[in-house]
Amino acid sequence: MKKNQETGIHVKEVSEITGLSRQVIRKWEDRYAIISPKRHENGYRLYSMEDVSTLMKICSLRDKGYSLQQAIHVFKNQKPIHSVVQETVSEYVQTLLEKGYNYDEAGLLLLLKQAHHRYGLETFLSNTVKPLMLEIGKMWAEGKWDESQETITSLVIRDFLVQIRRNFDVAEEAPLILGCCLPHETHEIPLHIILLHAMMHGSKTIASGPSPKLSSIEHLVQCLKPSKLLLSATTTIPFEEDPKLFEKLEGIAERNPGTEFYLGGQGAFNQEIFLSPKRVQLVYTVEDILT
């Protein structure tokens, strides 16, 4: 890294150090005032090592599970507004990974049933399903699993969670929560996990399939009239495919004022700096939706 102590560091080098795009760095600077670069006489921003350190600390907090707003709050106040709970991983996770690696659908299903019966639904979701999905994603990203291993294992897990939802009894008069992936989003499991949490809190739930059209989402809202719509974005692909997607969601929410609109998922969190929510609320936990 080339740095002149009197002039500072250029945004290109800050981007390389932190892994943040130049656009994101400038957005964070303008919107949250967490860094204060100087200006060169030619107009270029010049960042200090303290600015770089601040950005890296914010990134580190986000990696631990904080939303951007939470991470900034923690950094500014030097104390968390929420503790990031580290769940104990169940002993089934490693064996489930071995079954998935060997395409053993029957073995996967049996172990999922055993873990569910042993721990109960809430703990099963937190100590088995969530860490299992994180490990699968890590294995696939590192090239240790091929696409077929990831797909087959994920399908077994998804189908198991769907079956639990279908057999979950809730009161007929319970409020309805509709869950939908965003267009071009095919990862359904996080959505089913959240809907199961909502059912444990007394809500009825309905889930659409992966990658629905926006028109289909609005049609479901108009037909079912849910009290709440939960939109899931595990990846940033929906926003990359349609840069106007969030504005279109805001339009749907405006046309359907009887339903509360929520958007969550890592893909949404990674885009939040570019979003200006009005009717669609960004949420980070199940409690944000239920309360």
Protein backbone atom coordinates (compact mmCIF):
# COMPACT_ATOMS: atom_id res chain seq x y z
CA MET A 1 0.00 0.00 0.00
CA LYS A 2 1.35 3.38 -0.98
CA LYS A 3 0.64 6.05 1.58
CA ASN A 4 1.89 9.58 2.05
CA GLN A 5 1.49 10.53 5.73
CA GLU A 6 0.61 14.09 4.74
CA THR A 7 -1.92 13.27 2.06
CA GLY A 8 -3.57 10.02 3.12
CA ILE A 9 -4.89 6.94 1.34
CA HIS A 10 -6.93 6.96 -1.87
CA VAL A 11 -10.33 5.27 -1.97
CA LYS A 12 -9.08 2.59 -4.36
CA GLU A 13 -6.57 1.36 -1.77
CA VAL A 14 -9.16 1.61 1.04
CA SER A 15 -11.44 -0.57 -1.06
CA GLU A 16 -8.69 -3.16 -1.55
CA ILE A 17 -7.90 -3.26 2.17
CA THR A 18 -11.48 -3.46 3.47
CA GLY A 19 -13.14 -5.42 0.66
CA LEU A 20 -15.83 -2.71 0.38
CA SER A 21 -16.67 -1.18 -2.96
CA ARG A 22 -15.86 2.49 -3.49
CA GLN A 23 -19.57 3.22 -3.76
CA VAL A 24 -20.30 1.60 -0.40
CA ILE A 25 -17.42 3.44 1.28
CA ARG A 26 -18.76 6.78 0.07
CA LYS A 27 -22.33 5.88 1.02
CA TRP A 28 -21.25 5.00 4.55
CA GLU A 29 -19.33 8.26 4.76
CA ASP A 30 -22.21 10.42 3.50
CA ARG A 31 -25.11 8.70 5.25
CA TYR A 32 -23.60 7.68 8.60
CA ALA A 33 -20.63 10.05 9.04
CA ILE A 34 -18.48 7.30 10.53
CA ILE A 35 -15.36 8.39 8.65
CA SER A 36 -14.08 11.87 7.75
CA PRO A 37 -11.65 11.84 4.83
CA LYS A 38 -9.81 14.99 3.90
CA ARG A 39 -9.97 16.53 0.46
CA HIS A 40 -6.96 16.94 -1.77
CA GLU A 41 -6.72 20.20 -3.69
CA ASN A 42 -7.79 18.27 -6.81
CA GLY A 43 -11.00 17.12 -5.05
CA TYR A 44 -10.03 13.50 -4.32
CA ARG A 45 -10.92 12.03 -0.95
CA LEU A 46 -7.93 11.08 1.19
CA TYR A 47 -8.50 8.60 4.03
CA SER A 48 -6.50 8.15 7.21
CA MET A 49 -5.48 4.85 8.79
CA GLU A 50 -8.07 5.62 11.48
CA ASP A 51 -10.75 5.74 8.76
CA VAL A 52 -9.59 2.37 7.46
CA SER A 53 -9.61 0.93 10.97
CA THR A 54 -13.17 2.19 11.52
CA LEU A 55 -14.40 0.56 8.31
CA MET A 56 -12.74 -2.74 9.19
CA LYS A 57 -14.30 -2.72 12.68
CA ILE A 58 -17.75 -2.15 11.16
CA CYS A 59 -17.15 -5.00 8.72
CA SER A 60 -16.04 -7.26 11.57
CA LEU A 61 -19.22 -6.54 13.53
CA ARG A 62 -21.36 -7.32 10.48
CA ASP A 63 -19.50 -10.61 10.06
CA LYS A 64 -20.56 -11.46 13.63
CA GLY A 65 -24.23 -11.04 12.75
CA TYR A 66 -24.99 -7.38 13.37
CA SER A 67 -26.97 -5.34 10.85
CA LEU A 68 -25.23 -2.26 9.49
CA GLN A 69 -27.18 0.08 11.79
CA GLN A 70 -26.48 -2.16 14.78
CA ALA A 71 -22.77 -2.34 13.93
CA ILE A 72 -22.53 1.45 13.68
CA HIS A 73 -24.37 1.82 16.98
CA VAL A 74 -22.04 -0.67 18.66
CA PHE A 75 -18.98 1.06 17.24
CA LYS A 76 -20.09 4.56 18.28
CA ASN A 77 -21.25 3.55 21.75
CA GLN A 78 -18.69 0.81 22.38
CA LYS A 79 -21.42 -1.50 23.70
CA PRO A 80 -23.90 -3.79 21.91
CA ILE A 81 -27.62 -3.15 21.69
CA HIS A 82 -28.12 -6.89 21.29
CA SER A 83 -25.82 -9.75 22.23
CA VAL A 84 -25.01 -12.04 19.35
CA VAL A 85 -25.80 -15.41 20.86
CA GLN A 86 -23.49 -18.23 19.95
CA GLU A 87 -25.63 -21.35 19.82
CA THR A 88 -24.19 -24.74 20.76
CA VAL A 89 -23.91 -26.90 17.65
CA SER A 90 -25.59 -30.29 17.95
CA GLU A 91 -23.66 -33.52 17.56
CA TYR A 92 -25.75 -34.38 14.49
CA VAL A 93 -24.27 -31.70 12.23
CA GLN A 94 -21.05 -33.49 11.32
CA THR A 95 -22.84 -36.78 10.62
CA LEU A 96 -25.43 -34.96 8.52
CA LEU A 97 -22.61 -33.45 6.47
CA GLU A 98 -21.16 -36.92 5.91
CA LYS A 99 -24.55 -38.21 4.74
CA GLY A 100 -24.93 -35.26 2.40
CA TYR A 101 -21.45 -35.71 1.00
CA ASN A 102 -22.37 -39.31 0.11
CA TYR A 103 -25.79 -38.41 -1.36
CA ASP A 104 -27.50 -40.47 1.37
CA GLU A 105 -31.04 -39.02 1.34
CA ALA A 106 -32.48 -41.70 3.66
CA GLY A 107 -29.67 -41.19 6.15
CA LEU A 108 -30.14 -37.44 6.09
CA LEU A 109 -33.86 -37.72 6.72
CA LEU A 110 -33.41 -40.16 9.60
CA LEU A 111 -30.86 -37.94 11.34
CA LEU A 112 -33.05 -34.86 10.90
CA LYS A 113 -35.95 -36.70 12.52
CA GLN A 114 -33.76 -37.85 15.40
CA ALA A 115 -32.39 -34.35 16.04
CA HIS A 116 -35.89 -32.84 15.85
CA HIS A 117 -37.30 -35.34 18.35
CA ARG A 118 -34.33 -34.99 20.69
CA TYR A 119 -34.09 -31.21 20.88
CA GLY A 120 -37.56 -29.93 20.07
CA LEU A 121 -38.28 -27.58 17.20
CA GLU A 122 -36.82 -24.30 18.42
CA THR A 123 -33.47 -25.73 19.52
CA PHE A 124 -33.36 -28.03 16.49
CA LEU A 125 -33.58 -25.04 14.17
CA SER A 126 -30.86 -23.11 16.00
CA ASN A 127 -28.35 -25.84 16.84
CA THR A 128 -28.78 -28.20 13.89
CA VAL A 129 -30.40 -26.67 10.80
CA LYS A 130 -28.76 -23.24 10.86
CA PRO A 131 -25.17 -24.41 11.49
CA LEU A 132 -25.69 -27.24 9.01
CA MET A 133 -26.70 -24.80 6.27
CA LEU A 134 -23.75 -22.54 7.08
CA GLU A 135 -21.34 -25.47 6.77
CA ILE A 136 -22.92 -26.61 3.49
CA GLY A 137 -22.54 -23.11 2.06
CA LYS A 138 -18.93 -22.97 3.21
CA MET A 139 -18.14 -26.39 1.71
CA TRP A 140 -19.70 -25.42 -1.61
CA ALA A 141 -17.92 -22.04 -1.71
CA GLU A 142 -14.56 -23.71 -1.03
CA GLY A 143 -15.14 -26.33 -3.73
CA LYS A 144 -15.26 -29.22 -1.25
CA TRP A 145 -18.84 -30.03 -2.30
CA ASP A 146 -20.16 -30.09 -5.83
CA GLU A 147 -23.48 -28.58 -6.86
CA SER A 148 -25.32 -31.91 -6.76
CA GLN A 149 -24.27 -32.59 -3.15
CA GLU A 150 -25.43 -29.13 -2.10
CA THR A 151 -28.69 -29.41 -4.03
CA ILE A 152 -29.66 -32.89 -2.83
CA THR A 153 -28.88 -32.13 0.82
CA SER A 154 -30.70 -28.79 0.73
CA LEU A 155 -33.77 -30.37 -0.84
CA VAL A 156 -33.99 -32.99 1.91
CA ILE A 157 -33.71 -30.29 4.58
CA ARG A 158 -36.24 -28.05 2.86
CA ASP A 159 -38.77 -30.85 2.43
CA PHE A 160 -38.37 -31.84 6.08
CA LEU A 161 -39.05 -28.28 7.25
CA VAL A 162 -42.04 -27.98 4.92
CA GLN A 163 -43.49 -31.19 6.38
CA ILE A 164 -43.13 -29.80 9.90
CA ARG A 165 -44.94 -26.63 8.85
CA ARG A 166 -47.79 -28.60 7.28
CA ASN A 167 -48.27 -30.65 10.45
CA PHE A 168 -48.01 -27.68 12.81
CA ASP A 169 -51.36 -26.86 14.42
CA VAL A 170 -52.31 -23.23 14.99
CA ALA A 171 -55.63 -21.59 15.81
CA GLU A 172 -57.92 -21.00 12.85
CA GLU A 173 -58.30 -17.34 13.79
CA ALA A 174 -54.52 -16.82 14.05
CA PRO A 175 -53.06 -13.99 11.96
CA LEU A 176 -51.62 -15.06 8.62
CA ILE A 177 -48.02 -14.42 7.57
CA LEU A 178 -47.20 -14.95 3.90
CA GLY A 179 -43.58 -15.78 3.10
CA CYS A 180 -42.07 -15.22 -0.34
CA CYS A 181 -38.60 -15.39 -1.79
CA LEU A 182 -37.76 -12.46 -4.03
CA PRO A 183 -37.66 -12.96 -7.80
CA HIS A 184 -34.45 -14.80 -8.81
CA GLU A 185 -33.98 -16.02 -5.21
CA THR A 186 -33.96 -19.83 -5.02
CA HIS A 187 -32.78 -20.37 -1.44
CA GLU A 188 -35.96 -21.25 0.46
CA ILE A 189 -34.65 -22.77 3.70
CA PRO A 190 -34.07 -19.48 5.60
CA LEU A 191 -37.65 -18.48 4.79
CA HIS A 192 -39.07 -21.75 6.14
CA ILE A 193 -37.01 -21.39 9.33
CA ILE A 194 -38.45 -17.94 9.98
CA LEU A 195 -42.00 -19.06 9.20
CA LEU A 196 -41.63 -21.92 11.67
CA HIS A 197 -40.54 -19.44 14.34
CA ALA A 198 -43.62 -17.37 13.52
CA MET A 199 -45.83 -20.44 13.93
CA MET A 200 -44.29 -21.12 17.34
CA HIS A 201 -45.46 -17.61 18.24
CA GLY A 202 -49.03 -18.40 17.15
CA SER A 203 -49.23 -17.31 13.51
CA LYS A 204 -50.50 -19.21 10.50
CA THR A 205 -48.08 -19.24 7.57
CA ILE A 206 -48.11 -19.83 3.84
CA ALA A 207 -44.98 -19.94 1.68
CA SER A 208 -44.68 -19.43 -2.05
CA GLY A 209 -42.13 -21.33 -4.13
CA PRO A 210 -38.66 -20.12 -5.12
CA SER A 211 -38.18 -17.14 -7.42
CA PRO A 212 -41.80 -15.99 -7.86
CA LYS A 213 -42.69 -13.14 -10.19
CA LEU A 214 -43.54 -9.82 -8.60
CA SER A 215 -47.00 -10.07 -10.12
CA SER A 216 -47.48 -13.44 -8.39
CA ILE A 217 -46.43 -11.99 -5.04
CA GLU A 218 -48.92 -9.14 -5.37
CA HIS A 219 -51.66 -11.54 -6.50
CA LEU A 220 -51.10 -13.67 -3.39
CA VAL A 221 -51.26 -10.62 -1.16
CA GLN A 222 -54.52 -9.50 -2.75
CA CYS A 223 -56.10 -12.96 -2.56
CA LEU A 224 -54.90 -14.06 0.90
CA LYS A 225 -54.85 -10.63 2.56
CA PRO A 226 -52.14 -11.64 5.08
CA SER A 227 -51.50 -9.44 8.09
CA LYS A 228 -47.79 -9.55 7.20
CA LEU A 229 -45.69 -10.37 4.15
CA LEU A 230 -42.15 -11.56 4.73
CA LEU A 231 -39.84 -11.23 1.73
CA SER A 232 -36.59 -13.20 1.80
CA ALA A 233 -33.32 -12.36 0.04
CA THR A 234 -30.54 -14.78 0.94
CA THR A 235 -28.38 -13.47 -1.93
CA THR A 236 -28.01 -10.13 -3.71
CA ILE A 237 -28.96 -11.72 -7.05
CA PRO A 238 -32.54 -10.32 -7.02
CA PHE A 239 -31.20 -6.76 -6.76
CA GLU A 240 -28.51 -7.37 -9.37
CA GLU A 241 -31.07 -8.77 -11.82
CA ASP A 242 -33.48 -5.87 -11.23
CA PRO A 243 -31.92 -2.64 -9.88
CA LYS A 244 -35.45 -1.20 -9.50
CA LEU A 245 -36.71 -4.16 -7.48
CA PHE A 246 -36.99 -2.39 -4.12
CA GLU A 247 -38.88 0.51 -5.68
CA LYS A 248 -41.30 -1.97 -7.23
CA LEU A 249 -41.79 -3.66 -3.84
CA GLU A 250 -42.56 -0.27 -2.34
CA GLY A 251 -45.19 0.20 -5.04
CA ILE A 252 -46.82 -3.13 -4.20
CA ALA A 253 -46.82 -2.23 -0.51
CA GLU A 254 -48.45 1.11 -1.26
CA ARG A 255 -51.21 -0.59 -3.24
CA ASN A 256 -51.86 -3.06 -0.41
CA PRO A 257 -51.92 -0.99 2.80
CA GLY A 258 -53.72 -3.72 4.77
CA THR A 259 -50.57 -5.87 4.81
CA GLU A 260 -47.33 -5.04 6.59
CA PHE A 261 -44.31 -5.65 4.33
CA TYR A 262 -41.00 -6.91 5.72
CA LEU A 263 -37.72 -7.68 3.94
CA GLY A 264 -34.92 -9.75 5.48
CA GLY A 265 -31.97 -11.97 4.65
CA GLN A 266 -28.26 -11.48 4.08
CA GLY A 267 -28.84 -10.35 0.51
CA ALA A 268 -31.05 -7.53 1.75
CA PHE A 269 -28.60 -6.58 4.51
CA ASN A 270 -25.81 -6.30 1.93
CA GLN A 271 -27.99 -3.91 -0.08
CA GLU A 272 -29.45 -1.86 2.77
CA ILE A 273 -27.08 1.04 2.22
CA PHE A 274 -28.69 1.56 -1.19
CA LEU A 275 -32.30 1.24 0.00
CA SER A 276 -34.66 3.94 1.25
CA PRO A 277 -37.46 2.07 3.06
CA LYS A 278 -40.83 3.75 3.39
CA ARG A 279 -43.49 1.03 3.48
CA VAL A 280 -41.22 -2.03 3.28
CA GLN A 281 -39.45 -2.52 6.61
CA LEU A 282 -35.97 -4.06 6.78
CA VAL A 283 -35.82 -6.66 9.57
CA TYR A 284 -32.96 -8.59 11.14
CA THR A 285 -34.64 -10.97 13.59
CA VAL A 286 -37.92 -12.84 13.94
CA GLU A 287 -38.74 -10.56 16.86
CA ASP A 288 -38.62 -7.56 14.53
CA ILE A 289 -41.51 -9.08 12.60
CA LEU A 290 -43.60 -10.39 15.47
CA THR A 291 -43.39 -7.27 17.62
